Structure formats: C-alpha cells, structure tokens
C-alpha cells in the first residue's frame, strides 16, 4: 500500500532518532519515496549523511541550502507529500507544532502540509505525562493530526503510554493501514455524502444565544472516514471551536450558525446526495424575537418565548428518494431505546445511532463514544471506542446497506 507514496519524514532531537533509519528502510523497501526534514537538534543525534545515504536524497534542515540565496520551499514539500510522519517527535517540537511556532524548517513544513500528518512522540515518562504535553497532543489531535501512541502500534485515543517512541515496524503499519483504507474498493468511492456536525446557536441578542455542548468531534470523524473511503463529503457544520479543522481534501465544509441556516443548507444539498448522516445537535427551539441591542440587567425576571425550529431530519426523511440512505443520531438521557426506536420510524431513517449521557466517556466533548445502532431488523451494541473507530463502525454499517453498483 506504500508503493509510490511520497513521505516527508520529520526527525527531531530525541535519542530515538536512530530509529528513523529503520523507518526509512522499511518505507523504501515497501516502495515509498522518503524526504527527510530534520531539526538542528536532531542532527546532534544522527548525521544527515546517514539519512541521505538511505533515502538517496539530500536531507533538508535549514531554510537556505547555500549562501547564494537558494532556499528550500516548505510549501512545495507540503504539496509534494502524500503523508508526513514526525518520528521521533519531542515535547519541544510537539509544543511548537501545537502553537504554530515556526522557528525551523520542520515546523514550517508541518504548518504548510496539505497531506495527513502522523506524529510519534518520544520522551521520558514524566515529560510525556506532564499536563502541558498532554494538552499539546490533544490540540494536535483536534487539528486532525494522528498520534501514534507509544507502546501500542495503534492510533491514539486515550493519551496514555510510557513516553518511548513506538517501534518502527508498528509505525509503518499505521501508515500502511491508512493508505489501505484510502485505496479500498469502498462502495462510497465517488458517492456524495451529506454530514451535519456540531451545535446550532439561536440568538437572544447580539451577544447571547441558546446552544448546547456539542463539540462536533463525532461529525468530523465521520466526515474524515467517509472521505478516506473515496466519498465527496459536504460537511454542514455549526459553530465549533476554531481548532476543529478538516483534513481530507474530499471534504467541503459549509459553516452555519442557526438551525434555520443548517436546514436551508441541508435541504438544498440532499437531493444530490446518496447518503446523509445527521450528527449535529440541532436546537429544537429558537427565540420568537431577537433583541437588536444587548439586553440589560433590570433585576426582574425575564421571559424568553420560543418557537419550534424546522425539523431537519423529518424534512429530509419526507423527501428521501429510493436509493438514498438517511442515518440519524439520538442522544438520550432516559428510555433510550424506546425513544430511539420512535425516532427511527418518525424520521424515516434507515438506521439510527443511539448514545446515552448515562454512559461515561460518551456524548458531548469527549474523544470516545459508546453507541448502539438500531435498524428495522434489530440492534447492535458497541463498546466504548475512540470516535474515529466509532465512525468506522457507522460507515461500515452504512456501506453494508448500500446495494452493489449504486450510481452516483
């Protein structure tokens, strides 16, 4: 799966830098083309001559290669690569990447990278466990980077581990699995998929709103999974954190704020879609009137009258055509399955994804989720998993319901 792939390998100043030679050998053996970008500190642990001999390419470290004005273009590297792997990644470099401190060639290349980025941390246990390192890793994950967790060989969900860099063969396996999923003969290849994500905000006045705690993480994970399988994704996204960014070029993001705006976007897009996954937490009600100026405190009770928002799921269910798939979500706090079953029929979903706020680690603002998929033919329970893996389960089920040879 790595044949012909162009990989930028970033090496930082860690004792584990010697393992980068093993990574290079395996990548090249599997047919990849490797370009090394190394930090000045990285050169203290391994020489560029060794790396160049393995890759048959000059190692890039400085912005300027000579004193005649010749320079290395980090932008060109970002466009050239199919993936960027930073292994080993020190706490210092992870911090710079998380906060955009572009003081060396590796960080500027990372910030210009258009391809997926994989990061293999390498440091001692105390540094790895420190709250600042953990926050930086979470920030990088929220940007769409994939962390290769020390000691597991799998993409990280819980940021735990012993700090040492994952073994080279496992790092290469992660890359192989990523490209294998991209190149699989998925039924979604070439199909158009609509996905909604995040909350909606319903204005009370220019500075206040009614909203909810949705982070958009589940919807973004679904968008990345569908895009990785070759789908053309229309992601209609409510107001989420600025750190929430899409990675795959097959994702077209449409930002909205209110339920009405999301409704209009979805109704306009759905007729040309083969599937839709309604993951957003849409506000059911909106204020009847919105104050044009900030409402001042008076010391008296305040009453806000609300009216129902348009029901996006029900509206799409009514116009759904033969051959289209419609997937819904139900976040419940009581009578979970009966409420989800009722919603499945009422909204004309093909299946519904149920999650409960009673399950620890599920629901809003978490990196994990625990779901039950309910369809007309029964239900399937899944254990607590990272949202990236939950997205895989949901899309697997969606593909299983798609007949072979569905036209775009």
Foldseek 3Di string as FASTA:
>chain_A
DLAAFEEEEEEEQDLCSVLVLVLLQVSVVVHYQYAYEYEPNRCVNPPQVSVCVSRVDRHHKAQAPDPPPHGDDLLVLQVRGQEYEYPADELVNLLCLLVVVPPISVSSNVVNHQHAYEYWYADAQVSQPDPVSVVSVVLCVLLVHWYQAAPPLETDLDSDDGRHTHRSVSVVVRVVVLLCQLPPQFPQAAFEEEEEFEKAWFAQEPPDTDIDQAQRLLRLLLQQSSVSNHHQYEYEYEDHDPSRDHRRPSYDYHYDHALQVVLVVCVVPVVRGLEYEYHYHHDQKHFPDHHHHDDDDDPDDDDTDIDGDDDNLQVCLVVDDPRHAYEYEDEDAPPFPVVLVVCCVNSVHQKYKYFYPVDPQDDHPHQWHWTWIQGPVGIDGDGIDGSSVVSVVVVVVVSVPHDPPRDD
